[in-house]
Amino acid sequence: MFFSLKDAAVAGRLLPFTAGLTAGKLIHVVGPNGAGKSTLLALLAGLQNYSGEATLLGQPLNEWRGPALARLRACLPQHQHPLSQMPVYHYLRLHLQSDAPQADRRLSDLLNMFQLSDKLTRSLTQLSGGEWQRVRLAASCAQIDPQINTQGRLLILDEPMTALDIAQQKAVDDVISQLCRAGVCVIASSHDLNHSLLHADRAWLLHQGKMIAQGEPSAILTPERLSPLYQIAFRQLKLEGHTLLTVMP
């Protein structure tokens, strides 16, 4: 583990919990609204005061300074409004940790995957909601992509699929898979339980600021655990060898 948490907590919002992050894994943080998902992700990003222990590469998280931390992790917050009329390309370049030729090549690949190549000269304030989300995703991924930044270790995504259509969601899944294969740990909040069952390596289940369970998604996201939290009846299905969930009528 390159990132460990021991009895980490946020007063009034997140109860003490212990967990760790491993290179190359995709973790989904799931739970009802108000469960504490965004607070947990902000803690991991070094953007939230906390008690207990949080250690990144052997050093307390609260001792890392901005530039050094930005080389190791990128963070996509749930809500972020474009604050200037900066062109898309300039915004993306601000997130690159390298001026090497391969950085531009990899950025070009990401732009193609996120269908942004024709948006580079457009002002940030002229983008639709889905376009702005894809620009933010491209910037966050480029910031820690090992092909651009050899120090990149962690990508934190708070509801990354917001405002994206199904083809764009597939592109996000593909980029995340590439990053994980390159050794980046990706941790993302999600409301799509079946997406977590199909894609995540591990699931962290939260409820009212408490870590209910951690582990393999198929073992964690079960009707027995989920029904009391969401106060609806779930049913578990098997489809082509995959475990899926549906809501009882």
C-alpha atoms as a PDB file:
ATOM      1  CA  MET A   1       0.000   0.000   0.000  1.00  0.00           C
ATOM      2  CA  PHE A   2       1.296   3.439  -0.902  1.00  0.00           C
ATOM      3  CA  PHE A   3      -1.490   5.242   0.987  1.00  0.00           C
ATOM      4  CA  SER A   4      -2.765   4.133   4.379  1.00  0.00           C
ATOM      5  CA  LEU A   5      -5.472   5.415   6.698  1.00  0.00           C
ATOM      6  CA  LYS A   6      -5.765   4.492  10.357  1.00  0.00           C
ATOM      7  CA  ASP A   7      -8.713   5.720  12.408  1.00  0.00           C
ATOM      8  CA  ALA A   8      -9.042   8.653   9.997  1.00  0.00           C
ATOM      9  CA  ALA A   9     -12.082  10.816  10.702  1.00  0.00           C
ATOM     10  CA  VAL A  10     -13.689  14.187   9.973  1.00  0.00           C
ATOM     11  CA  ALA A  11     -15.573  15.688  12.893  1.00  0.00           C
ATOM     12  CA  GLY A  12     -19.329  15.513  12.387  1.00  0.00           C
ATOM     13  CA  ARG A  13     -19.043  14.034   8.912  1.00  0.00           C
ATOM     14  CA  LEU A  14     -16.905  10.902   8.820  1.00  0.00           C
ATOM     15  CA  LEU A  15     -16.456   8.358  11.598  1.00  0.00           C
ATOM     16  CA  PRO A  16     -13.009   6.778  12.194  1.00  0.00           C
ATOM     17  CA  PHE A  17     -12.061   4.170   9.618  1.00  0.00           C
ATOM     18  CA  THR A  18      -8.987   2.262   8.519  1.00  0.00           C
ATOM     19  CA  ALA A  19      -8.174   1.436   4.890  1.00  0.00           C
ATOM     20  CA  GLY A  20      -5.399   1.397   2.322  1.00  0.00           C
ATOM     21  CA  LEU A  21      -4.816   2.130  -1.369  1.00  0.00           C
ATOM     22  CA  THR A  22      -2.868  -0.214  -3.635  1.00  0.00           C
ATOM     23  CA  ALA A  23      -1.271   0.627  -6.971  1.00  0.00           C
ATOM     24  CA  GLY A  24      -3.245  -0.345 -10.053  1.00  0.00           C
ATOM     25  CA  LYS A  25      -6.596  -0.882  -8.330  1.00  0.00           C
ATOM     26  CA  LEU A  26      -9.985   0.704  -9.028  1.00  0.00           C
ATOM     27  CA  ILE A  27     -11.996   1.395  -5.879  1.00  0.00           C
ATOM     28  CA  HIS A  28     -15.604   2.577  -5.945  1.00  0.00           C
ATOM     29  CA  VAL A  29     -16.987   4.465  -2.949  1.00  0.00           C
ATOM     30  CA  VAL A  30     -20.724   3.841  -2.783  1.00  0.00           C
ATOM     31  CA  GLY A  31     -23.592   4.715  -0.485  1.00  0.00           C
ATOM     32  CA  PRO A  32     -26.755   6.849  -0.321  1.00  0.00           C
ATOM     33  CA  ASN A  33     -26.665  10.627  -0.586  1.00  0.00           C
ATOM     34  CA  GLY A  34     -25.129  12.138   2.533  1.00  0.00           C
ATOM     35  CA  ALA A  35     -23.133   9.000   3.312  1.00  0.00           C
ATOM     36  CA  GLY A  36     -19.820  10.897   3.408  1.00  0.00           C
ATOM     37  CA  LYS A  37     -18.393   9.935   0.022  1.00  0.00           C
ATOM     38  CA  SER A  38     -17.291  13.430  -1.001  1.00  0.00           C
ATOM     39  CA  THR A  39     -15.819  14.078   2.447  1.00  0.00           C
ATOM     40  CA  LEU A  40     -13.790  10.863   2.244  1.00  0.00           C
ATOM     41  CA  LEU A  41     -12.485  11.723  -1.223  1.00  0.00           C
ATOM     42  CA  ALA A  42     -11.564  15.255  -0.116  1.00  0.00           C
ATOM     43  CA  LEU A  43      -9.637  13.746   2.806  1.00  0.00           C
ATOM     44  CA  LEU A  44      -7.724  11.455   0.437  1.00  0.00           C
ATOM     45  CA  ALA A  45      -6.952  14.409  -1.816  1.00  0.00           C
ATOM     46  CA  GLY A  46      -5.419  16.376   1.050  1.00  0.00           C
ATOM     47  CA  LEU A  47      -8.198  18.979   0.864  1.00  0.00           C
ATOM     48  CA  GLN A  48      -9.942  18.166   4.148  1.00  0.00           C
ATOM     49  CA  ASN A  49      -8.771  18.494   7.743  1.00  0.00           C
ATOM     50  CA  TYR A  50      -8.893  15.191   9.586  1.00  0.00           C
ATOM     51  CA  SER A  51      -7.980  13.391  12.768  1.00  0.00           C
ATOM     52  CA  GLY A  52      -6.218  10.054  12.981  1.00  0.00           C
ATOM     53  CA  GLU A  53      -3.531   8.985  10.550  1.00  0.00           C
ATOM     54  CA  ALA A  54      -3.266   9.369   6.768  1.00  0.00           C
ATOM     55  CA  THR A  55       0.084   8.446   5.264  1.00  0.00           C
ATOM     56  CA  LEU A  56       1.145   8.868   1.645  1.00  0.00           C
ATOM     57  CA  LEU A  57       4.415   7.179   0.644  1.00  0.00           C
ATOM     58  CA  GLY A  58       5.433   7.018   4.301  1.00  0.00           C
ATOM     59  CA  GLN A  59       4.840  10.719   4.984  1.00  0.00           C
ATOM     60  CA  PRO A  60       1.808  12.182   6.804  1.00  0.00           C
ATOM     61  CA  LEU A  61      -0.635  13.525   4.250  1.00  0.00           C
ATOM     62  CA  ASN A  62      -0.955  16.892   5.988  1.00  0.00           C
ATOM     63  CA  GLU A  63       2.798  17.441   5.591  1.00  0.00           C
ATOM     64  CA  TRP A  64       2.686  17.277   1.796  1.00  0.00           C
ATOM     65  CA  ARG A  65       2.798  20.653   0.084  1.00  0.00           C
ATOM     66  CA  GLY A  66       0.741  21.620  -2.969  1.00  0.00           C
ATOM     67  CA  PRO A  67       3.203  21.237  -5.871  1.00  0.00           C
ATOM     68  CA  ALA A  68       4.623  17.940  -4.592  1.00  0.00           C
ATOM     69  CA  LEU A  69       1.158  16.550  -3.884  1.00  0.00           C
ATOM     70  CA  ALA A  70      -0.088  17.618  -7.321  1.00  0.00           C
ATOM     71  CA  ARG A  71       2.619  15.512  -8.950  1.00  0.00           C
ATOM     72  CA  LEU A  72       1.357  12.422  -7.104  1.00  0.00           C
ATOM     73  CA  ARG A  73      -2.405  12.783  -7.211  1.00  0.00           C
ATOM     74  CA  ALA A  74      -5.123  14.452  -9.257  1.00  0.00           C
ATOM     75  CA  CYS A  75      -8.605  15.194  -8.005  1.00  0.00           C
ATOM     76  CA  LEU A  76     -11.881  15.781  -9.827  1.00  0.00           C
ATOM     77  CA  PRO A  77     -14.349  17.480  -7.418  1.00  0.00           C
ATOM     78  CA  GLN A  78     -18.046  16.852  -7.812  1.00  0.00           C
ATOM     79  CA  HIS A  79     -18.869  20.494  -8.516  1.00  0.00           C
ATOM     80  CA  GLN A  80     -16.581  22.969 -10.252  1.00  0.00           C
ATOM     81  CA  HIS A  81     -17.588  25.905 -12.426  1.00  0.00           C
ATOM     82  CA  PRO A  82     -15.347  27.385 -15.144  1.00  0.00           C
ATOM     83  CA  LEU A  83     -14.083  30.651 -13.715  1.00  0.00           C
ATOM     84  CA  SER A  84     -12.552  32.196 -16.813  1.00  0.00           C
ATOM     85  CA  GLN A  85     -12.818  32.382 -20.584  1.00  0.00           C
ATOM     86  CA  MET A  86      -9.542  30.518 -20.965  1.00  0.00           C
ATOM     87  CA  PRO A  87      -9.431  28.280 -24.055  1.00  0.00           C
ATOM     88  CA  VAL A  88      -9.751  24.555 -23.417  1.00  0.00           C
ATOM     89  CA  TYR A  89      -6.218  23.806 -24.627  1.00  0.00           C
ATOM     90  CA  HIS A  90      -4.631  26.297 -22.221  1.00  0.00           C
ATOM     91  CA  TYR A  91      -6.634  24.841 -19.346  1.00  0.00           C
ATOM     92  CA  LEU A  92      -5.412  21.344 -20.195  1.00  0.00           C
ATOM     93  CA  ARG A  93      -1.794  22.458 -20.535  1.00  0.00           C
ATOM     94  CA  LEU A  94      -1.911  23.877 -16.992  1.00  0.00           C
ATOM     95  CA  HIS A  95      -2.419  20.323 -15.709  1.00  0.00           C
ATOM     96  CA  LEU A  96       0.509  18.729 -17.531  1.00  0.00           C
ATOM     97  CA  GLN A  97       3.523  17.875 -15.397  1.00  0.00           C
ATOM     98  CA  SER A  98       5.881  17.613 -18.385  1.00  0.00           C
ATOM     99  CA  ASP A  99       6.838  19.488 -21.553  1.00  0.00           C
ATOM    100  CA  ALA A 100       8.293  16.377 -23.195  1.00  0.00           C
ATOM    101  CA  PRO A 101       7.009  15.414 -26.674  1.00  0.00           C
ATOM    102  CA  GLN A 102       5.329  12.290 -25.284  1.00  0.00           C
ATOM    103  CA  ALA A 103       3.195  14.503 -23.042  1.00  0.00           C
ATOM    104  CA  ASP A 104       1.578  16.158 -26.058  1.00  0.00           C
ATOM    105  CA  ARG A 105       1.144  12.792 -27.772  1.00  0.00           C
ATOM    106  CA  ARG A 106      -0.588  11.309 -24.749  1.00  0.00           C
ATOM    107  CA  LEU A 107      -2.726  14.405 -24.316  1.00  0.00           C
ATOM    108  CA  SER A 108      -3.766  14.043 -27.946  1.00  0.00           C
ATOM    109  CA  ASP A 109      -4.786  10.433 -27.252  1.00  0.00           C
ATOM    110  CA  LEU A 110      -6.880  11.524 -24.265  1.00  0.00           C
ATOM    111  CA  LEU A 111      -8.531  14.279 -26.301  1.00  0.00           C
ATOM    112  CA  ASN A 112      -9.514  11.752 -28.960  1.00  0.00           C
ATOM    113  CA  MET A 113     -10.886   9.312 -26.382  1.00  0.00           C
ATOM    114  CA  PHE A 114     -12.920  12.044 -24.678  1.00  0.00           C
ATOM    115  CA  GLN A 115     -14.048  13.494 -28.056  1.00  0.00           C
ATOM    116  CA  LEU A 116     -12.542  16.905 -27.337  1.00  0.00           C
ATOM    117  CA  SER A 117     -10.162  17.421 -30.252  1.00  0.00           C
ATOM    118  CA  ASP A 118     -12.519  19.906 -31.902  1.00  0.00           C
ATOM    119  CA  LYS A 119     -13.068  21.896 -28.681  1.00  0.00           C
ATOM    120  CA  LEU A 120      -9.508  23.111 -28.026  1.00  0.00           C
ATOM    121  CA  THR A 121     -10.007  26.744 -29.030  1.00  0.00           C
ATOM    122  CA  ARG A 122     -13.388  27.079 -27.360  1.00  0.00           C
ATOM    123  CA  SER A 123     -13.675  29.128 -24.171  1.00  0.00           C
ATOM    124  CA  LEU A 124     -14.394  27.188 -20.999  1.00  0.00           C
ATOM    125  CA  THR A 125     -17.506  29.293 -20.457  1.00  0.00           C
ATOM    126  CA  GLN A 126     -18.874  28.234 -23.863  1.00  0.00           C
ATOM    127  CA  LEU A 127     -18.915  24.522 -23.064  1.00  0.00           C
ATOM    128  CA  SER A 128     -22.007  22.458 -22.343  1.00  0.00           C
ATOM    129  CA  GLY A 129     -22.220  20.601 -19.051  1.00  0.00           C
ATOM    130  CA  GLY A 130     -21.067  17.335 -20.615  1.00  0.00           C
ATOM    131  CA  GLU A 131     -18.235  19.020 -22.502  1.00  0.00           C
ATOM    132  CA  TRP A 132     -16.975  20.742 -19.355  1.00  0.00           C
ATOM    133  CA  GLN A 133     -17.095  17.434 -17.479  1.00  0.00           C
ATOM    134  CA  ARG A 134     -15.012  15.759 -20.188  1.00  0.00           C
ATOM    135  CA  VAL A 135     -12.496  18.616 -20.183  1.00  0.00           C
ATOM    136  CA  ARG A 136     -12.136  18.289 -16.408  1.00  0.00           C
ATOM    137  CA  LEU A 137     -11.707  14.527 -16.716  1.00  0.00           C
ATOM    138  CA  ALA A 138      -9.077  14.889 -19.439  1.00  0.00           C
ATOM    139  CA  ALA A 139      -7.166  17.414 -17.325  1.00  0.00           C
ATOM    140  CA  SER A 140      -7.254  15.232 -14.202  1.00  0.00           C
ATOM    141  CA  CYS A 141      -6.191  12.110 -16.088  1.00  0.00           C
ATOM    142  CA  ALA A 142      -3.384  13.931 -17.904  1.00  0.00           C
ATOM    143  CA  GLN A 143      -2.067  15.339 -14.624  1.00  0.00           C
ATOM    144  CA  ILE A 144      -1.140  11.905 -13.242  1.00  0.00           C
ATOM    145  CA  ASP A 145      -0.883   9.767 -16.383  1.00  0.00           C
ATOM    146  CA  PRO A 146       2.441   7.869 -16.109  1.00  0.00           C
ATOM    147  CA  GLN A 147       3.113   8.479 -19.807  1.00  0.00           C
ATOM    148  CA  ILE A 148       3.212  12.201 -18.994  1.00  0.00           C
ATOM    149  CA  ASN A 149       4.139  12.273 -15.308  1.00  0.00           C
ATOM    150  CA  THR A 150       6.202   9.358 -13.996  1.00  0.00           C
ATOM    151  CA  GLN A 151       5.347  10.323 -10.396  1.00  0.00           C
ATOM    152  CA  GLY A 152       1.570   9.983 -10.902  1.00  0.00           C
ATOM    153  CA  ARG A 153       0.097   7.509  -8.402  1.00  0.00           C
ATOM    154  CA  LEU A 154      -3.494   8.399  -7.512  1.00  0.00           C
ATOM    155  CA  LEU A 155      -6.602   9.659  -9.327  1.00  0.00           C
ATOM    156  CA  ILE A 156      -9.586  10.716  -7.192  1.00  0.00           C
ATOM    157  CA  LEU A 157     -12.907  11.148  -8.980  1.00  0.00           C
ATOM    158  CA  ASP A 158     -16.100  12.414  -7.355  1.00  0.00           C
ATOM    159  CA  GLU A 159     -19.037  11.239  -9.503  1.00  0.00           C
ATOM    160  CA  PRO A 160     -17.068  11.290 -12.776  1.00  0.00           C
ATOM    161  CA  MET A 161     -19.971  10.093 -14.942  1.00  0.00           C
ATOM    162  CA  THR A 162     -22.126  13.179 -14.252  1.00  0.00           C
ATOM    163  CA  ALA A 163     -23.614  14.683 -17.470  1.00  0.00           C
ATOM    164  CA  LEU A 164     -22.017  12.029 -19.712  1.00  0.00           C
ATOM    165  CA  ASP A 165     -23.884   9.904 -22.241  1.00  0.00           C
ATOM    166  CA  ILE A 166     -23.290   6.156 -22.442  1.00  0.00           C
ATOM    167  CA  ALA A 167     -20.552   6.397 -25.119  1.00  0.00           C
ATOM    168  CA  GLN A 168     -18.696   9.020 -23.082  1.00  0.00           C
ATOM    169  CA  GLN A 169     -19.023   6.868 -19.950  1.00  0.00           C
ATOM    170  CA  LYS A 170     -17.436   4.005 -21.893  1.00  0.00           C
ATOM    171  CA  ALA A 171     -14.533   6.307 -22.805  1.00  0.00           C
ATOM    172  CA  VAL A 172     -14.024   7.149 -19.119  1.00  0.00           C
ATOM    173  CA  ASP A 173     -14.005   3.440 -18.264  1.00  0.00           C
ATOM    174  CA  ASP A 174     -11.410   2.807 -20.985  1.00  0.00           C
ATOM    175  CA  VAL A 175      -9.105   5.593 -19.782  1.00  0.00           C
ATOM    176  CA  ILE A 176      -9.406   4.439 -16.162  1.00  0.00           C
ATOM    177  CA  SER A 177      -8.502   0.897 -17.248  1.00  0.00           C
ATOM    178  CA  GLN A 178      -5.413   2.219 -19.032  1.00  0.00           C
ATOM    179  CA  LEU A 179      -4.331   4.170 -15.953  1.00  0.00           C
ATOM    180  CA  CYS A 180      -4.832   1.190 -13.651  1.00  0.00           C
ATOM    181  CA  ARG A 181      -2.786  -1.041 -15.950  1.00  0.00           C
ATOM    182  CA  ALA A 182      -0.033   1.592 -15.770  1.00  0.00           C
ATOM    183  CA  GLY A 183      -0.038   1.349 -11.962  1.00  0.00           C
ATOM    184  CA  VAL A 184      -2.266   4.285 -10.999  1.00  0.00           C
ATOM    185  CA  CYS A 185      -4.784   3.717  -8.214  1.00  0.00           C
ATOM    186  CA  VAL A 186      -8.183   5.197  -9.079  1.00  0.00           C
ATOM    187  CA  ILE A 187     -10.824   5.819  -6.428  1.00  0.00           C
ATOM    188  CA  ALA A 188     -14.214   7.121  -7.519  1.00  0.00           C
ATOM    189  CA  SER A 189     -17.604   7.749  -5.977  1.00  0.00           C
ATOM    190  CA  SER A 190     -20.520   6.147  -7.765  1.00  0.00           C
ATOM    191  CA  HIS A 191     -24.294   5.853  -7.538  1.00  0.00           C
ATOM    192  CA  ASP A 192     -24.471   3.131 -10.202  1.00  0.00           C
ATOM    193  CA  LEU A 193     -24.224  -0.088  -8.206  1.00  0.00           C
ATOM    194  CA  ASN A 194     -24.171  -2.329 -11.268  1.00  0.00           C
ATOM    195  CA  HIS A 195     -21.368  -0.287 -12.791  1.00  0.00           C
ATOM    196  CA  SER A 196     -19.395  -0.863  -9.583  1.00  0.00           C
ATOM    197  CA  LEU A 197     -20.134  -4.593  -9.714  1.00  0.00           C
ATOM    198  CA  LEU A 198     -18.886  -4.804 -13.302  1.00  0.00           C
ATOM    199  CA  HIS A 199     -15.803  -2.572 -13.128  1.00  0.00           C
ATOM    200  CA  ALA A 200     -14.457  -1.986  -9.620  1.00  0.00           C
ATOM    201  CA  ASP A 201     -11.748  -4.125  -8.016  1.00  0.00           C
ATOM    202  CA  ARG A 202     -12.949  -3.131  -4.553  1.00  0.00           C
ATOM    203  CA  ALA A 203     -15.935  -1.337  -3.045  1.00  0.00           C
ATOM    204  CA  TRP A 204     -16.116   0.853   0.040  1.00  0.00           C
ATOM    205  CA  LEU A 205     -19.680   1.074   1.347  1.00  0.00           C
ATOM    206  CA  LEU A 206     -20.553   4.153   3.418  1.00  0.00           C
ATOM    207  CA  HIS A 207     -23.653   5.140   5.356  1.00  0.00           C
ATOM    208  CA  GLN A 208     -24.153   8.218   7.542  1.00  0.00           C
ATOM    209  CA  GLY A 209     -20.402   8.817   7.727  1.00  0.00           C
ATOM    210  CA  LYS A 210     -19.568   5.233   8.705  1.00  0.00           C
ATOM    211  CA  MET A 211     -17.582   2.731   6.689  1.00  0.00           C
ATOM    212  CA  ILE A 212     -19.971  -0.223   6.614  1.00  0.00           C
ATOM    213  CA  ALA A 213     -17.808  -2.647   4.644  1.00  0.00           C
ATOM    214  CA  GLN A 214     -14.823  -2.945   2.305  1.00  0.00           C
ATOM    215  CA  GLY A 215     -13.946  -5.707  -0.132  1.00  0.00           C
ATOM    216  CA  GLU A 216     -14.832  -7.377  -3.411  1.00  0.00           C
ATOM    217  CA  PRO A 217     -17.859  -5.614  -4.915  1.00  0.00           C
ATOM    218  CA  SER A 218     -19.860  -8.836  -5.299  1.00  0.00           C
ATOM    219  CA  ALA A 219     -19.353  -9.591  -1.596  1.00  0.00           C
ATOM    220  CA  ILE A 220     -20.087  -6.030  -0.426  1.00  0.00           C
ATOM    221  CA  LEU A 221     -22.923  -4.902  -2.692  1.00  0.00           C
ATOM    222  CA  THR A 222     -25.522  -7.465  -1.687  1.00  0.00           C
ATOM    223  CA  PRO A 223     -29.279  -7.069  -1.123  1.00  0.00           C
ATOM    224  CA  GLU A 224     -28.781  -7.906   2.559  1.00  0.00           C
ATOM    225  CA  ARG A 225     -26.427  -4.944   3.046  1.00  0.00           C
ATOM    226  CA  LEU A 226     -27.965  -2.467   0.625  1.00  0.00           C
ATOM    227  CA  SER A 227     -31.699  -2.789   1.320  1.00  0.00           C
ATOM    228  CA  PRO A 228     -31.551  -1.344   4.882  1.00  0.00           C
ATOM    229  CA  LEU A 229     -29.296   1.529   3.763  1.00  0.00           C
ATOM    230  CA  TYR A 230     -31.398   2.606   0.779  1.00  0.00           C
ATOM    231  CA  GLN A 231     -34.699   1.520   2.332  1.00  0.00           C
ATOM    232  CA  ILE A 232     -35.778  -0.317  -0.799  1.00  0.00           C
ATOM    233  CA  ALA A 233     -35.791  -4.011  -1.670  1.00  0.00           C
ATOM    234  CA  PHE A 234     -32.984  -5.231  -3.933  1.00  0.00           C
ATOM    235  CA  ARG A 235     -32.790  -8.505  -5.809  1.00  0.00           C
ATOM    236  CA  GLN A 236     -29.560 -10.112  -7.032  1.00  0.00           C
ATOM    237  CA  LEU A 237     -29.368 -11.507 -10.563  1.00  0.00           C
ATOM    238  CA  LYS A 238     -26.825 -13.436 -12.618  1.00  0.00           C
ATOM    239  CA  LEU A 239     -26.315 -12.392 -16.227  1.00  0.00           C
ATOM    240  CA  GLU A 240     -23.635 -13.937 -18.434  1.00  0.00           C
ATOM    241  CA  GLY A 241     -21.593 -14.816 -15.364  1.00  0.00           C
ATOM    242  CA  HIS A 242     -21.888 -11.349 -13.790  1.00  0.00           C
ATOM    243  CA  THR A 243     -23.676 -10.445 -10.572  1.00  0.00           C
ATOM    244  CA  LEU A 244     -26.162  -7.599 -11.016  1.00  0.00           C
ATOM    245  CA  LEU A 245     -28.772  -5.862  -8.893  1.00  0.00           C
ATOM    246  CA  THR A 246     -32.326  -4.812  -9.593  1.00  0.00           C
ATOM    247  CA  VAL A 247     -34.977  -3.141  -7.468  1.00  0.00           C
ATOM    248  CA  MET A 248     -37.996  -5.160  -6.438  1.00  0.00           C
ATOM    249  CA  PRO A 249     -41.335  -3.789  -7.729  1.00  0.00           C
END
